[in-house]
Amino acid sequence: MTELELIIKNGKVVTASDTYVADVGVKDGKIETIGVNLSPGSGTQVIVAKGK
């Protein structure tokens, strides 16, 4: 995977069947990946969404 531009950490992810806490990785303005403990690269902006 190439470097993500933005990682939103510990956000609430809502789907049609579930709600859970995860990290969301964004590249080129689109969601690239959803996972736990995504690792930022040197140029990745990180936003902590916990409690927001």
C-alpha atoms as a PDB file:
ATOM      1  CA  MET A   1       0.000   0.000   0.000  1.00  0.00           C
ATOM      2  CA  THR A   2       1.277   3.467  -0.828  1.00  0.00           C
ATOM      3  CA  GLU A   3       1.386   6.185   1.799  1.00  0.00           C
ATOM      4  CA  LEU A   4      -1.947   7.535   2.984  1.00  0.00           C
ATOM      5  CA  GLU A   5      -2.577  11.289   3.001  1.00  0.00           C
ATOM      6  CA  LEU A   6      -4.829  11.195   6.053  1.00  0.00           C
ATOM      7  CA  ILE A   7      -5.668   8.755   8.828  1.00  0.00           C
ATOM      8  CA  ILE A   8      -8.686   9.357  11.033  1.00  0.00           C
ATOM      9  CA  LYS A   9      -7.962   7.335  14.190  1.00  0.00           C
ATOM     10  CA  ASN A  10     -10.565   5.747  16.458  1.00  0.00           C
ATOM     11  CA  GLY A  11     -13.594   7.008  14.554  1.00  0.00           C
ATOM     12  CA  LYS A  12     -17.060   5.506  14.708  1.00  0.00           C
ATOM     13  CA  VAL A  13     -17.694   3.594  11.473  1.00  0.00           C
ATOM     14  CA  VAL A  14     -21.359   2.954  10.663  1.00  0.00           C
ATOM     15  CA  THR A  15     -22.505   0.431   8.050  1.00  0.00           C
ATOM     16  CA  ALA A  16     -25.958  -0.895   7.199  1.00  0.00           C
ATOM     17  CA  SER A  17     -25.493  -3.775   9.634  1.00  0.00           C
ATOM     18  CA  ASP A  18     -22.942  -2.662  12.240  1.00  0.00           C
ATOM     19  CA  THR A  19     -21.281   0.167  14.150  1.00  0.00           C
ATOM     20  CA  TYR A  20     -17.667  -0.122  15.318  1.00  0.00           C
ATOM     21  CA  VAL A  21     -14.552   1.910  16.128  1.00  0.00           C
ATOM     22  CA  ALA A  22     -11.759   1.845  13.543  1.00  0.00           C
ATOM     23  CA  ASP A  23      -9.144   3.903  11.702  1.00  0.00           C
ATOM     24  CA  VAL A  24     -10.000   5.256   8.246  1.00  0.00           C
ATOM     25  CA  GLY A  25      -7.191   5.809   5.746  1.00  0.00           C
ATOM     26  CA  VAL A  26      -7.673   8.350   2.951  1.00  0.00           C
ATOM     27  CA  LYS A  27      -5.706   8.718  -0.287  1.00  0.00           C
ATOM     28  CA  ASP A  28      -6.528  11.011  -3.223  1.00  0.00           C
ATOM     29  CA  GLY A  29      -9.665  12.182  -1.399  1.00  0.00           C
ATOM     30  CA  LYS A  30     -11.149   8.682  -1.170  1.00  0.00           C
ATOM     31  CA  ILE A  31     -11.291   6.028   1.535  1.00  0.00           C
ATOM     32  CA  GLU A  32      -8.441   3.635   0.793  1.00  0.00           C
ATOM     33  CA  THR A  33      -8.673   1.356   3.832  1.00  0.00           C
ATOM     34  CA  ILE A  34     -10.483   0.796   7.118  1.00  0.00           C
ATOM     35  CA  GLY A  35      -8.676  -1.037   9.882  1.00  0.00           C
ATOM     36  CA  VAL A  36      -7.225  -1.006  13.374  1.00  0.00           C
ATOM     37  CA  ASN A  37      -3.926   0.662  14.281  1.00  0.00           C
ATOM     38  CA  LEU A  38      -3.151   2.009  10.797  1.00  0.00           C
ATOM     39  CA  SER A  39       0.429   3.289  10.698  1.00  0.00           C
ATOM     40  CA  PRO A  40       1.008   6.799   9.352  1.00  0.00           C
ATOM     41  CA  GLY A  41       3.861   7.567   6.989  1.00  0.00           C
ATOM     42  CA  SER A  42       6.118  10.588   7.384  1.00  0.00           C
ATOM     43  CA  GLY A  43       3.760  12.811   5.365  1.00  0.00           C
ATOM     44  CA  THR A  44       0.458  11.489   6.699  1.00  0.00           C
ATOM     45  CA  GLN A  45      -1.880  13.856   8.554  1.00  0.00           C
ATOM     46  CA  VAL A  46      -3.484  12.180  11.581  1.00  0.00           C
ATOM     47  CA  ILE A  47      -6.778  13.220  13.163  1.00  0.00           C
ATOM     48  CA  VAL A  48      -7.856  11.563  16.417  1.00  0.00           C
ATOM     49  CA  ALA A  49     -11.641  11.243  16.336  1.00  0.00           C
ATOM     50  CA  LYS A  50     -12.142   9.531  19.705  1.00  0.00           C
ATOM     51  CA  GLY A  51     -15.036  11.169  21.516  1.00  0.00           C
ATOM     52  CA  LYS A  52     -16.011  13.302  18.520  1.00  0.00           C
END
